[in-house]
Protein backbone atom coordinates (compact mmCIF):
# COMPACT_ATOMS: atom_id res chain seq x y z
CA MET A 1 9.38 -6.99 8.56
CA MET A 2 7.06 -4.15 7.54
CA GLN A 3 3.29 -4.51 6.45
CA LEU A 4 1.20 -2.62 4.22
CA ARG A 5 -1.77 -1.34 5.97
CA GLU A 6 -3.22 1.43 3.38
CA LEU A 7 -2.64 3.19 0.18
CA ARG A 8 -4.72 6.59 -0.11
CA VAL A 9 -4.84 9.11 -2.65
CA THR A 10 -6.38 12.64 -1.82
CA GLY A 11 -7.10 15.98 -3.42
CA THR A 12 -8.89 19.05 -2.61
CA GLY A 13 -12.71 18.62 -3.33
CA LYS A 14 -12.09 14.99 -4.25
CA LEU A 15 -13.57 11.79 -2.51
CA ASN A 16 -10.30 9.89 -1.17
CA ALA A 17 -9.02 6.89 -3.00
CA VAL A 18 -8.38 4.26 -0.27
CA ILE A 19 -7.06 0.59 -0.24
CA ARG A 20 -6.63 -1.25 2.88
CA PHE A 21 -4.66 -4.21 3.05
CA ALA A 22 -5.21 -6.99 5.48
CA ALA A 23 -2.65 -8.80 7.50
CA GLY A 24 -0.64 -11.58 5.51
CA GLY A 25 -0.99 -11.90 1.65
CA ASN A 26 -3.60 -9.48 -0.39
CA ILE A 27 -4.34 -10.19 -4.09
CA ILE A 28 -4.94 -7.20 -6.29
CA ALA A 29 -7.87 -8.15 -9.00
CA GLY A 30 -9.68 -6.38 -11.35
CA VAL A 31 -10.84 -5.92 -14.82
CA SER A 32 -8.45 -4.14 -17.53
CA ASN A 33 -8.14 -0.51 -16.78
CA SER A 34 -9.59 -0.62 -13.25
CA GLY A 35 -6.24 0.92 -11.75
CA LYS A 36 -4.30 -1.94 -10.55
CA SER A 37 -1.06 -0.63 -12.31
CA TYR A 38 -1.90 2.91 -11.17
CA MET A 39 -1.97 1.78 -7.67
CA LEU A 40 1.29 0.11 -7.99
CA GLY A 41 2.97 2.99 -9.71
CA CYS A 42 1.62 5.35 -6.81
CA MET A 43 3.24 2.87 -4.17
CA ASP A 44 6.73 3.01 -6.21
CA PHE A 45 6.49 6.84 -6.49
CA VAL A 46 5.85 7.16 -2.95
CA LEU A 47 8.79 4.83 -2.02
CA GLY A 48 11.11 7.18 -4.14
CA ALA A 49 10.60 6.46 -7.73
CA GLU A 50 11.63 9.80 -9.76
CA GLU A 51 8.36 9.88 -11.57
CA MET A 52 4.83 8.27 -11.74
CA THR A 53 5.45 5.78 -14.43
CA LYS A 54 1.49 5.48 -14.88
CA LYS A 55 -1.07 8.56 -15.42
CA ILE A 56 -4.60 7.88 -15.77
CA ASP A 57 -7.72 10.73 -16.63
CA GLU A 58 -8.90 9.75 -13.39
CA ASP A 59 -6.23 11.27 -11.34
CA ALA A 60 -7.04 14.72 -12.30
CA GLY A 61 -7.44 16.60 -8.98
CA TYR A 62 -5.51 14.43 -6.74
CA GLU A 63 -2.53 15.76 -4.95
CA LEU A 64 -1.03 13.56 -2.28
CA VAL A 65 -0.17 9.82 -2.14
CA TYR A 66 0.09 8.23 1.42
CA LEU A 67 1.36 4.57 2.08
CA GLU A 68 0.85 3.31 5.69
CA LEU A 69 3.02 0.63 6.93
CA ALA A 70 3.40 -1.14 10.31
CA ASN A 71 6.13 -2.76 11.95
CA ASP A 72 6.17 -6.27 13.65
CA GLU A 73 4.90 -4.32 16.83
CA GLY A 74 1.96 -2.50 14.93
CA LYS A 75 3.91 0.71 15.07
CA PRO A 76 2.56 2.83 12.21
CA LEU A 77 5.03 4.67 9.66
CA THR A 78 3.38 6.61 6.79
CA LEU A 79 5.07 8.02 3.61
CA VAL A 80 3.41 10.95 1.84
CA ARG A 81 4.29 12.67 -1.49
CA HIS A 82 2.86 15.00 -3.55
CA LEU A 83 1.75 13.24 -7.14
CA THR A 84 3.89 16.10 -8.91
CA GLY A 85 6.90 15.07 -7.35
CA GLY A 86 9.32 16.45 -4.44
CA ASP A 87 10.43 14.84 -1.44
CA VAL A 88 8.78 12.01 0.57
CA THR A 89 7.75 13.08 4.04
CA VAL A 90 8.07 10.26 6.78
CA HIS A 91 5.38 10.34 9.40
CA TYR A 92 5.75 8.05 12.34
CA SER A 93 1.83 7.70 12.70
CA THR A 94 -0.98 6.30 10.78
CA ILE A 95 -2.61 8.36 7.78
CA ASP A 96 -5.54 9.62 9.82
CA ALA A 97 -3.05 11.38 12.32
CA ILE A 98 -1.60 13.50 9.42
CA ARG A 99 -3.18 16.82 8.63
CA GLY A 100 -4.90 16.77 5.55
CA ASP A 101 -2.33 18.82 3.56
CA GLY A 102 0.06 16.01 4.47
CA SER A 103 2.37 18.56 6.13
CA CYS A 104 5.21 17.72 8.84
CA GLY A 105 4.52 17.94 12.41
CA HIS A 106 5.56 16.33 15.19
CA GLY A 107 7.22 13.05 14.32
CA THR A 108 8.29 13.53 10.82
CA GLU A 109 11.29 13.70 8.68
CA ARG A 110 11.92 14.43 5.00
CA ALA A 111 13.65 11.74 2.82
CA ASN A 112 15.30 14.12 0.08
CA GLY A 113 18.62 12.19 -0.32
CA SER A 114 20.37 15.17 1.26
CA GLY A 115 20.83 13.20 4.50
CA ARG A 116 20.19 14.74 7.81
CA ASP A 117 17.00 16.99 8.16
CA SER A 118 16.78 19.98 10.55
CA ARG A 119 13.78 18.71 12.15
CA SER A 120 15.21 14.98 12.89
CA LYS A 121 17.73 14.33 15.77
CA LYS A 122 17.77 10.83 15.71
CA HIS A 123 17.62 9.27 12.11
CA ARG A 124 19.10 10.01 8.65
CA LEU A 125 16.78 8.24 5.76
CA ALA A 126 18.87 6.93 2.88
CA TRP A 127 16.57 6.91 -0.05
CA PRO A 128 17.82 5.43 -3.56
CA ARG A 129 18.56 7.99 -6.19
CA ARG A 130 17.23 5.67 -9.20
CA LYS A 131 14.76 5.73 -11.63
CA ARG A 132 12.98 2.68 -10.28
CA ALA A 133 13.65 2.77 -6.43
CA THR A 134 13.82 -0.12 -4.07
CA ALA A 135 11.13 -0.62 -1.49
CA ARG A 136 13.47 0.14 1.33
CA ALA A 137 14.68 2.96 3.37
CA ASN A 138 17.63 2.33 5.63
CA CYS A 139 17.44 4.18 8.88
CA LEU A 140 20.81 5.02 10.40
CA SER A 141 21.38 6.16 14.04
CA ASP A 142 23.65 9.07 14.38
């Protein structure tokens, strides 16, 4: 089972917007218009939704959304996507280990629905092509 670790939204010249999750259950609470739905929209988007369903004025200047997860052994997996859309990049590392531009480096794959990526020799990620993507990716061994 995967555990949410952190959601981060970044932009050039902007302070990072960061939410860290504790092990176990987490409660997201706040007054109206404080960003709860936007946070869930960011998670849905980086998990493969076709578009951001919630836009807010405060996201101006932000560019990338990161979602860090960990498996039962504590090994990290981070998903990165530009807020304007495009492919989801999968990093087998923590958010802090990824270059600031979210670019691919060692241990990454692109989840673009086209199957195998030339940088990936071990796994192919199958991402749903629906408006509201499910929160799962099937890693298929070659």
